[in-house]
Amino acid sequence: MITDIFDNSYGFEGKFYSEIFKTDMMIMIDYKICLDYVQQCVNEFNSLDNELVETICRAAKAYCLDFLEEAGGDVYGKMTISVTSETPALEMLKCFKPTVLIVKKPKDENSIGYQLECSCDWEIEHGMEIDILDNKVVYLSSFNGYSPWREYNKSKWNYINQI
């Protein structure tokens, strides 16, 4: 259930409880979106299946390893765990945390699309963005404020393409 909704001049903002991550999260909502649709997005996020969570973790691991290679290793000294190619994908849940669920005006209200802004150990400046459309990850990389409704190409910078 979404609570504490208020107008922040860019849309609406509120809070909800993440069942999967066992924490309160912020939600940002574009104007002119039906709250029933927004609640459907929250419900879908709160019921991510294990396969989708593993897919997210595998792509996050690819992103992390690529970033660490480009940066020359754990330059920040902030990694919760040491991430290598041998690290089990689900261990990545120790290294990132969704903080904001963003619901933008959908192109099709019959499809559930939302994005997650996440903090992560390896990219403390830009964090991580996960865009989900119809229970499928369509984008995972640094936070750019994209949208699940965007047309994504096969760029290597979209780490969902590397798994």
N, C-alpha and C. Protein backbone atom coordinates (compact mmCIF):
# COMPACT_ATOMS: atom_id res chain seq x y z
N MET A 1 0.83 -1.18 0.00
CA MET A 1 0.00 0.00 0.00
C MET A 1 0.88 1.25 0.00
N ILE A 2 0.53 2.20 -0.82
CA ILE A 2 1.29 3.44 -0.93
C ILE A 2 0.77 4.42 0.13
N THR A 3 1.70 5.06 0.83
CA THR A 3 1.33 6.00 1.88
C THR A 3 2.06 7.32 1.70
N ASP A 4 1.65 8.30 2.47
CA ASP A 4 2.32 9.60 2.54
C ASP A 4 2.53 10.24 1.17
N ILE A 5 1.52 10.19 0.31
CA ILE A 5 1.63 10.75 -1.04
C ILE A 5 1.51 12.28 -0.98
N PHE A 6 2.43 12.94 -1.67
CA PHE A 6 2.36 14.40 -1.77
C PHE A 6 2.88 14.84 -3.13
N ASP A 7 2.50 16.05 -3.53
CA ASP A 7 2.90 16.66 -4.79
C ASP A 7 4.27 17.30 -4.59
N ASN A 8 5.24 16.90 -5.42
CA ASN A 8 6.59 17.46 -5.28
C ASN A 8 6.97 18.38 -6.43
N SER A 9 6.02 18.85 -7.20
CA SER A 9 6.16 19.75 -8.36
C SER A 9 6.68 19.05 -9.61
N TYR A 10 7.12 17.80 -9.52
CA TYR A 10 7.51 17.01 -10.70
C TYR A 10 6.54 15.86 -10.91
N GLY A 11 5.68 15.67 -9.97
CA GLY A 11 4.76 14.55 -9.95
C GLY A 11 4.39 14.31 -8.49
N PHE A 12 4.15 13.06 -8.17
CA PHE A 12 3.82 12.72 -6.79
C PHE A 12 4.91 11.85 -6.22
N GLU A 13 5.01 11.89 -4.91
CA GLU A 13 6.00 11.11 -4.19
C GLU A 13 5.29 10.47 -3.01
N GLY A 14 5.71 9.31 -2.63
CA GLY A 14 5.13 8.63 -1.48
C GLY A 14 6.07 7.54 -1.00
N LYS A 15 5.52 6.64 -0.19
CA LYS A 15 6.30 5.53 0.36
C LYS A 15 5.49 4.25 0.25
N PHE A 16 6.20 3.14 0.24
CA PHE A 16 5.57 1.82 0.33
C PHE A 16 6.57 0.88 0.95
N TYR A 17 6.11 -0.26 1.40
CA TYR A 17 6.98 -1.26 2.00
C TYR A 17 7.35 -2.30 0.96
N SER A 18 8.65 -2.54 0.80
CA SER A 18 9.13 -3.57 -0.12
C SER A 18 9.16 -4.90 0.61
N GLU A 19 8.31 -5.81 0.17
CA GLU A 19 8.25 -7.15 0.76
C GLU A 19 9.55 -7.91 0.53
N ILE A 20 10.13 -7.77 -0.64
CA ILE A 20 11.34 -8.52 -0.98
C ILE A 20 12.56 -8.00 -0.24
N PHE A 21 12.71 -6.69 -0.17
CA PHE A 21 13.90 -6.11 0.44
C PHE A 21 13.67 -5.73 1.91
N LYS A 22 12.47 -5.94 2.40
CA LYS A 22 12.13 -5.73 3.82
C LYS A 22 12.51 -4.33 4.30
N THR A 23 12.10 -3.34 3.53
CA THR A 23 12.42 -1.96 3.87
C THR A 23 11.37 -1.02 3.26
N ASP A 24 11.23 0.16 3.84
CA ASP A 24 10.41 1.19 3.22
C ASP A 24 11.15 1.75 2.02
N MET A 25 10.42 2.01 0.97
CA MET A 25 11.00 2.60 -0.23
C MET A 25 10.20 3.82 -0.63
N MET A 26 10.85 4.72 -1.32
CA MET A 26 10.19 5.88 -1.88
C MET A 26 9.60 5.49 -3.23
N ILE A 27 8.49 6.11 -3.60
CA ILE A 27 7.91 5.94 -4.92
C ILE A 27 7.71 7.32 -5.53
N MET A 28 8.09 7.45 -6.80
CA MET A 28 7.89 8.69 -7.55
C MET A 28 6.94 8.37 -8.70
N ILE A 29 5.94 9.22 -8.88
CA ILE A 29 4.86 8.96 -9.82
C ILE A 29 4.67 10.18 -10.72
N ASP A 30 4.69 9.95 -12.03
CA ASP A 30 4.38 11.04 -12.96
C ASP A 30 2.93 11.49 -12.75
N TYR A 31 2.65 12.73 -13.14
CA TYR A 31 1.29 13.22 -13.13
C TYR A 31 0.43 12.41 -14.10
N LYS A 32 -0.86 12.47 -13.90
CA LYS A 32 -1.85 11.89 -14.81
C LYS A 32 -1.73 10.37 -14.93
N ILE A 33 -1.38 9.71 -13.85
CA ILE A 33 -1.37 8.25 -13.83
C ILE A 33 -2.39 7.79 -12.80
N CYS A 34 -3.19 6.86 -13.18
CA CYS A 34 -4.20 6.29 -12.29
C CYS A 34 -3.50 5.57 -11.12
N LEU A 35 -3.93 5.87 -9.90
CA LEU A 35 -3.30 5.24 -8.74
C LEU A 35 -3.50 3.73 -8.72
N ASP A 36 -4.54 3.22 -9.37
CA ASP A 36 -4.69 1.76 -9.48
C ASP A 36 -3.53 1.17 -10.27
N TYR A 37 -3.12 1.86 -11.35
CA TYR A 37 -1.98 1.40 -12.15
C TYR A 37 -0.71 1.42 -11.30
N VAL A 38 -0.51 2.49 -10.55
CA VAL A 38 0.68 2.61 -9.70
C VAL A 38 0.70 1.47 -8.68
N GLN A 39 -0.44 1.17 -8.08
CA GLN A 39 -0.51 0.09 -7.10
C GLN A 39 -0.20 -1.26 -7.76
N GLN A 40 -0.61 -1.42 -9.01
CA GLN A 40 -0.28 -2.66 -9.74
C GLN A 40 1.24 -2.78 -9.91
N CYS A 41 1.91 -1.66 -10.17
CA CYS A 41 3.37 -1.67 -10.29
C CYS A 41 4.01 -2.08 -8.97
N VAL A 42 3.53 -1.51 -7.87
CA VAL A 42 4.05 -1.86 -6.54
C VAL A 42 3.80 -3.34 -6.26
N ASN A 43 2.61 -3.81 -6.56
CA ASN A 43 2.28 -5.22 -6.32
C ASN A 43 3.18 -6.14 -7.12
N GLU A 44 3.41 -5.80 -8.39
CA GLU A 44 4.28 -6.64 -9.21
C GLU A 44 5.71 -6.63 -8.66
N PHE A 45 6.21 -5.45 -8.29
CA PHE A 45 7.55 -5.38 -7.71
C PHE A 45 7.63 -6.22 -6.44
N ASN A 46 6.61 -6.16 -5.61
CA ASN A 46 6.62 -6.91 -4.36
C ASN A 46 6.44 -8.41 -4.54
N SER A 47 6.17 -8.84 -5.76
CA SER A 47 6.01 -10.27 -5.99
C SER A 47 6.94 -10.79 -7.09
N LEU A 48 8.11 -10.13 -7.22
CA LEU A 48 9.09 -10.61 -8.19
C LEU A 48 9.39 -12.07 -7.93
N ASP A 49 9.40 -12.87 -8.99
CA ASP A 49 9.70 -14.29 -8.78
C ASP A 49 11.22 -14.49 -8.70
N ASN A 50 11.61 -15.66 -8.20
CA ASN A 50 13.03 -15.96 -7.98
C ASN A 50 13.84 -15.88 -9.26
N GLU A 51 13.24 -16.30 -10.38
CA GLU A 51 13.95 -16.27 -11.65
C GLU A 51 14.29 -14.84 -12.07
N LEU A 52 13.35 -13.92 -11.88
CA LEU A 52 13.59 -12.52 -12.24
C LEU A 52 14.63 -11.90 -11.30
N VAL A 53 14.56 -12.21 -10.02
CA VAL A 53 15.55 -11.70 -9.07
C VAL A 53 16.94 -12.22 -9.46
N GLU A 54 17.03 -13.48 -9.83
CA GLU A 54 18.33 -14.03 -10.26
C GLU A 54 18.82 -13.35 -11.54
N THR A 55 17.94 -13.06 -12.48
CA THR A 55 18.31 -12.35 -13.70
C THR A 55 18.86 -10.97 -13.36
N ILE A 56 18.19 -10.26 -12.47
CA ILE A 56 18.66 -8.95 -12.03
C ILE A 56 20.05 -9.08 -11.41
N CYS A 57 20.24 -10.06 -10.57
CA CYS A 57 21.53 -10.25 -9.90
C CYS A 57 22.64 -10.62 -10.88
N ARG A 58 22.33 -11.43 -11.89
CA ARG A 58 23.34 -11.78 -12.88
C ARG A 58 23.75 -10.55 -13.70
N ALA A 59 22.78 -9.73 -14.08
CA ALA A 59 23.11 -8.51 -14.83
C ALA A 59 23.86 -7.51 -13.94
N ALA A 60 23.46 -7.40 -12.67
CA ALA A 60 24.16 -6.51 -11.73
C ALA A 60 25.61 -6.97 -11.55
N LYS A 61 25.82 -8.27 -11.52
CA LYS A 61 27.18 -8.79 -11.39
C LYS A 61 28.01 -8.42 -12.62
N ALA A 62 27.43 -8.54 -13.82
CA ALA A 62 28.14 -8.16 -15.05
C ALA A 62 28.49 -6.67 -15.01
N TYR A 63 27.55 -5.85 -14.57
CA TYR A 63 27.78 -4.41 -14.44
C TYR A 63 28.90 -4.14 -13.44
N CYS A 64 28.83 -4.78 -12.29
CA CYS A 64 29.84 -4.58 -11.25
C CYS A 64 31.23 -4.99 -11.74
N LEU A 65 31.34 -6.17 -12.33
CA LEU A 65 32.65 -6.64 -12.80
C LEU A 65 33.22 -5.72 -13.88
N ASP A 66 32.38 -5.27 -14.78
CA ASP A 66 32.82 -4.36 -15.83
C ASP A 66 33.29 -3.03 -15.23
N PHE A 67 32.51 -2.51 -14.28
CA PHE A 67 32.88 -1.25 -13.64
C PHE A 67 34.20 -1.39 -12.89
N LEU A 68 34.35 -2.46 -12.12
CA LEU A 68 35.58 -2.66 -11.35
C LEU A 68 36.79 -2.82 -12.26
N GLU A 69 36.61 -3.48 -13.40
CA GLU A 69 37.70 -3.63 -14.36
C GLU A 69 38.10 -2.27 -14.93
N GLU A 70 37.10 -1.47 -15.31
CA GLU A 70 37.37 -0.14 -15.86
C GLU A 70 38.01 0.77 -14.81
N ALA A 71 37.60 0.63 -13.56
CA ALA A 71 38.09 1.50 -12.49
C ALA A 71 39.40 1.00 -11.88
N GLY A 72 39.82 -0.18 -12.27
CA GLY A 72 41.07 -0.71 -11.73
C GLY A 72 40.89 -1.38 -10.38
N GLY A 73 39.73 -1.90 -10.09
CA GLY A 73 39.49 -2.61 -8.84
C GLY A 73 38.60 -1.83 -7.91
N ASP A 74 38.58 -2.27 -6.68
CA ASP A 74 37.70 -1.68 -5.65
C ASP A 74 38.26 -0.33 -5.21
N VAL A 75 38.16 0.67 -6.10
CA VAL A 75 38.77 1.97 -5.84
C VAL A 75 38.14 2.71 -4.68
N TYR A 76 36.91 2.38 -4.33
CA TYR A 76 36.25 3.09 -3.25
C TYR A 76 36.44 2.41 -1.89
N GLY A 77 36.87 1.16 -1.90
CA GLY A 77 36.99 0.42 -0.66
C GLY A 77 35.65 0.20 0.01
N LYS A 78 34.57 0.25 -0.77
CA LYS A 78 33.22 0.18 -0.21
C LYS A 78 32.49 -1.11 -0.53
N MET A 79 33.12 -2.06 -1.21
CA MET A 79 32.43 -3.28 -1.59
C MET A 79 32.11 -4.10 -0.33
N THR A 80 30.85 -4.48 -0.21
CA THR A 80 30.39 -5.28 0.92
C THR A 80 31.01 -6.66 0.86
N ILE A 81 31.11 -7.21 -0.36
CA ILE A 81 31.77 -8.49 -0.57
C ILE A 81 32.73 -8.31 -1.74
N SER A 82 33.68 -9.21 -1.85
CA SER A 82 34.58 -9.21 -3.00
C SER A 82 33.85 -9.89 -4.15
N VAL A 83 33.66 -9.18 -5.25
CA VAL A 83 32.93 -9.73 -6.39
C VAL A 83 33.92 -10.15 -7.45
N THR A 84 33.84 -11.43 -7.82
CA THR A 84 34.66 -12.00 -8.88
C THR A 84 33.74 -12.76 -9.83
N SER A 85 34.29 -13.30 -10.88
CA SER A 85 33.48 -14.09 -11.82
C SER A 85 32.90 -15.33 -11.14
N GLU A 86 33.49 -15.74 -10.03
CA GLU A 86 33.01 -16.93 -9.31
C GLU A 86 31.93 -16.60 -8.27
N THR A 87 31.67 -15.35 -8.03
CA THR A 87 30.67 -14.96 -7.03
C THR A 87 29.28 -15.42 -7.48
N PRO A 88 28.56 -16.16 -6.62
CA PRO A 88 27.19 -16.55 -6.98
C PRO A 88 26.33 -15.30 -7.20
N ALA A 89 25.50 -15.35 -8.22
CA ALA A 89 24.71 -14.18 -8.61
C ALA A 89 23.91 -13.60 -7.45
N LEU A 90 23.24 -14.43 -6.67
CA LEU A 90 22.39 -13.93 -5.60
C LEU A 90 23.18 -13.22 -4.49
N GLU A 91 24.48 -13.43 -4.42
CA GLU A 91 25.31 -12.71 -3.46
C GLU A 91 25.32 -11.21 -3.77
N MET A 92 24.98 -10.85 -5.00
CA MET A 92 24.95 -9.44 -5.39
C MET A 92 23.90 -8.67 -4.59
N LEU A 93 22.91 -9.37 -4.03
CA LEU A 93 21.91 -8.70 -3.21
C LEU A 93 22.54 -8.01 -2.00
N LYS A 94 23.74 -8.39 -1.65
CA LYS A 94 24.46 -7.74 -0.55
C LYS A 94 25.10 -6.44 -1.00
N CYS A 95 25.18 -6.21 -2.31
CA CYS A 95 25.93 -5.07 -2.86
C CYS A 95 25.06 -3.97 -3.44
N PHE A 96 23.76 -4.20 -3.58
CA PHE A 96 22.90 -3.14 -4.08
C PHE A 96 21.56 -3.17 -3.36
N LYS A 97 20.89 -2.00 -3.41
CA LYS A 97 19.62 -1.87 -2.71
C LYS A 97 18.72 -0.93 -3.50
N PRO A 98 17.54 -1.41 -3.90
CA PRO A 98 16.58 -0.49 -4.52
C PRO A 98 16.13 0.56 -3.50
N THR A 99 16.12 1.81 -3.92
CA THR A 99 15.74 2.90 -3.02
C THR A 99 14.48 3.64 -3.47
N VAL A 100 14.26 3.67 -4.80
CA VAL A 100 13.11 4.40 -5.34
C VAL A 100 12.48 3.57 -6.46
N LEU A 101 11.16 3.44 -6.42
CA LEU A 101 10.41 2.86 -7.53
C LEU A 101 9.80 4.03 -8.27
N ILE A 102 10.05 4.10 -9.58
CA ILE A 102 9.60 5.23 -10.40
C ILE A 102 8.56 4.72 -11.39
N VAL A 103 7.40 5.35 -11.40
CA VAL A 103 6.34 4.98 -12.33
C VAL A 103 6.10 6.17 -13.25
N LYS A 104 6.45 5.96 -14.52
CA LYS A 104 6.24 7.01 -15.53
C LYS A 104 4.96 6.70 -16.30
N LYS A 105 4.42 7.70 -16.96
CA LYS A 105 3.19 7.52 -17.72
C LYS A 105 3.38 6.38 -18.71
N PRO A 106 2.54 5.35 -18.62
CA PRO A 106 2.72 4.19 -19.51
C PRO A 106 2.24 4.47 -20.93
N LYS A 107 2.91 3.84 -21.88
CA LYS A 107 2.43 3.89 -23.27
C LYS A 107 1.22 3.00 -23.43
N ASP A 108 1.12 1.99 -22.58
CA ASP A 108 0.02 1.03 -22.64
C ASP A 108 -0.32 0.61 -21.22
N GLU A 109 -1.48 1.01 -20.73
CA GLU A 109 -1.86 0.69 -19.35
C GLU A 109 -2.18 -0.79 -19.14
N ASN A 110 -2.17 -1.58 -20.21
CA ASN A 110 -2.33 -3.02 -20.07
C ASN A 110 -1.00 -3.71 -19.78
N SER A 111 0.09 -2.96 -19.88
CA SER A 111 1.43 -3.46 -19.57
C SER A 111 1.92 -2.77 -18.30
N ILE A 112 2.54 -3.53 -17.43
CA ILE A 112 3.08 -2.97 -16.19
C ILE A 112 4.55 -2.65 -16.41
N GLY A 113 4.90 -1.37 -16.30
CA GLY A 113 6.27 -0.93 -16.49
C GLY A 113 6.68 0.04 -15.40
N TYR A 114 7.87 -0.16 -14.86
CA TYR A 114 8.39 0.72 -13.82
C TYR A 114 9.91 0.62 -13.82
N GLN A 115 10.54 1.54 -13.14
CA GLN A 115 11.98 1.49 -13.01
C GLN A 115 12.37 1.59 -11.55
N LEU A 116 13.53 1.05 -11.27
CA LEU A 116 14.07 1.09 -9.92
C LEU A 116 15.37 1.88 -9.93
N GLU A 117 15.48 2.80 -9.00
CA GLU A 117 16.75 3.47 -8.76
C GLU A 117 17.37 2.76 -7.57
N CYS A 118 18.62 2.34 -7.74
CA CYS A 118 19.29 1.56 -6.69
C CYS A 118 20.60 2.21 -6.29
N SER A 119 20.94 2.07 -5.03
CA SER A 119 22.31 2.39 -4.61
C SER A 119 23.10 1.10 -4.79
N CYS A 120 24.38 1.24 -5.10
CA CYS A 120 25.22 0.04 -5.23
C CYS A 120 26.64 0.37 -4.79
N ASP A 121 27.32 -0.66 -4.29
CA ASP A 121 28.66 -0.49 -3.74
C ASP A 121 29.68 0.00 -4.76
N TRP A 122 29.57 -0.47 -6.00
CA TRP A 122 30.62 -0.23 -6.97
C TRP A 122 30.48 1.10 -7.71
N GLU A 123 29.30 1.65 -7.80
CA GLU A 123 29.10 2.90 -8.54
C GLU A 123 28.34 3.86 -7.64
N ILE A 124 29.07 4.44 -6.69
CA ILE A 124 28.41 5.26 -5.67
C ILE A 124 27.91 6.59 -6.23
N GLU A 125 28.47 7.04 -7.34
CA GLU A 125 28.05 8.33 -7.90
C GLU A 125 26.73 8.22 -8.68
N HIS A 126 26.62 7.23 -9.56
CA HIS A 126 25.44 7.12 -10.43
C HIS A 126 24.48 6.02 -10.02
N GLY A 127 24.91 5.11 -9.21
CA GLY A 127 24.03 4.03 -8.78
C GLY A 127 23.68 3.10 -9.93
N MET A 128 22.50 2.51 -9.83
CA MET A 128 22.07 1.53 -10.82
C MET A 128 20.59 1.75 -11.13
N GLU A 129 20.23 1.57 -12.38
CA GLU A 129 18.85 1.65 -12.82
C GLU A 129 18.43 0.28 -13.35
N ILE A 130 17.24 -0.13 -12.95
CA ILE A 130 16.65 -1.38 -13.46
C ILE A 130 15.28 -1.01 -14.01
N ASP A 131 15.07 -1.25 -15.30
CA ASP A 131 13.77 -0.99 -15.92
C ASP A 131 13.10 -2.33 -16.19
N ILE A 132 11.87 -2.45 -15.73
CA ILE A 132 11.12 -3.69 -15.87
C ILE A 132 9.82 -3.41 -16.61
N LEU A 133 9.56 -4.23 -17.61
CA LEU A 133 8.33 -4.11 -18.40
C LEU A 133 7.72 -5.50 -18.52
N ASP A 134 6.49 -5.62 -18.10
CA ASP A 134 5.78 -6.90 -18.14
C ASP A 134 6.59 -8.03 -17.52
N ASN A 135 7.13 -7.73 -16.34
CA ASN A 135 7.86 -8.72 -15.54
C ASN A 135 9.13 -9.23 -16.24
N LYS A 136 9.74 -8.38 -17.05
CA LYS A 136 10.98 -8.70 -17.74
C LYS A 136 11.92 -7.50 -17.63
N VAL A 137 13.17 -7.75 -17.28
CA VAL A 137 14.15 -6.67 -17.21
C VAL A 137 14.51 -6.26 -18.63
N VAL A 138 14.33 -4.98 -18.94
CA VAL A 138 14.66 -4.47 -20.28
C VAL A 138 15.90 -3.58 -20.25
N TYR A 139 16.31 -3.14 -19.05
CA TYR A 139 17.50 -2.30 -18.92
C TYR A 139 18.07 -2.44 -17.52
N LEU A 140 19.40 -2.59 -17.45
CA LEU A 140 20.11 -2.55 -16.18
C LEU A 140 21.49 -1.98 -16.45
N SER A 141 21.77 -0.83 -15.85
CA SER A 141 23.06 -0.16 -15.98
C SER A 141 23.09 1.00 -14.99
N SER A 142 23.98 1.95 -15.22
CA SER A 142 24.02 3.12 -14.35
C SER A 142 22.70 3.89 -14.47
N PHE A 143 22.37 4.63 -13.42
CA PHE A 143 21.10 5.35 -13.45
C PHE A 143 21.16 6.49 -14.46
N ASN A 144 20.24 6.47 -15.42
CA ASN A 144 20.15 7.50 -16.44
C ASN A 144 18.76 8.11 -16.53
N GLY A 145 17.82 7.61 -15.74
CA GLY A 145 16.47 8.15 -15.76
C GLY A 145 15.70 7.78 -17.02
N TYR A 146 16.03 6.63 -17.59
CA TYR A 146 15.34 6.19 -18.80
C TYR A 146 13.91 5.80 -18.47
N SER A 147 13.38 4.85 -19.15
CA SER A 147 12.00 4.42 -18.97
C SER A 147 11.85 3.00 -19.47
N PRO A 148 10.99 2.21 -18.85
CA PRO A 148 10.78 0.86 -19.38
C PRO A 148 10.13 0.89 -20.76
N TRP A 149 9.57 2.03 -21.14
CA TRP A 149 8.88 2.16 -22.43
C TRP A 149 9.83 2.53 -23.56
N ARG A 150 11.08 2.78 -23.25
CA ARG A 150 12.07 3.18 -24.25
C ARG A 150 12.44 1.97 -25.11
N GLU A 151 12.82 2.24 -26.35
CA GLU A 151 13.34 1.18 -27.22
C GLU A 151 14.82 1.00 -26.88
N TYR A 152 15.18 -0.18 -26.44
CA TYR A 152 16.57 -0.45 -26.06
C TYR A 152 17.26 -1.24 -27.16
N ASN A 153 18.50 -0.85 -27.45
CA ASN A 153 19.26 -1.60 -28.44
C ASN A 153 20.09 -2.67 -27.74
N LYS A 154 20.97 -3.29 -28.46
CA LYS A 154 21.78 -4.38 -27.91
C LYS A 154 23.12 -3.89 -27.38
N SER A 155 23.18 -2.64 -26.92
CA SER A 155 24.40 -2.04 -26.40
C SER A 155 25.00 -2.88 -25.27
N LYS A 156 26.32 -2.95 -25.24
CA LYS A 156 26.98 -3.67 -24.15
C LYS A 156 26.81 -2.94 -22.83
N TRP A 157 26.43 -1.67 -22.87
CA TRP A 157 26.24 -0.90 -21.63
C TRP A 157 24.91 -1.20 -20.96
N ASN A 158 24.03 -1.91 -21.64
CA ASN A 158 22.81 -2.43 -21.03
C ASN A 158 23.16 -3.85 -20.61
N TYR A 159 23.46 -4.02 -19.34
CA TYR A 159 24.03 -5.27 -18.87
C TYR A 159 23.06 -6.45 -18.92
N ILE A 160 21.80 -6.21 -19.14
CA ILE A 160 20.86 -7.31 -19.34
C ILE A 160 21.22 -8.05 -20.63
N ASN A 161 21.90 -7.36 -21.56
CA ASN A 161 22.32 -7.97 -22.83
C ASN A 161 23.54 -8.87 -22.66
N GLN A 162 24.20 -8.83 -21.51
CA GLN A 162 25.42 -9.62 -21.32
C GLN A 162 25.18 -10.94 -20.61
N ILE A 163 23.94 -11.23 -20.30
CA ILE A 163 23.69 -12.50 -19.59
C ILE A 163 22.89 -13.47 -20.44
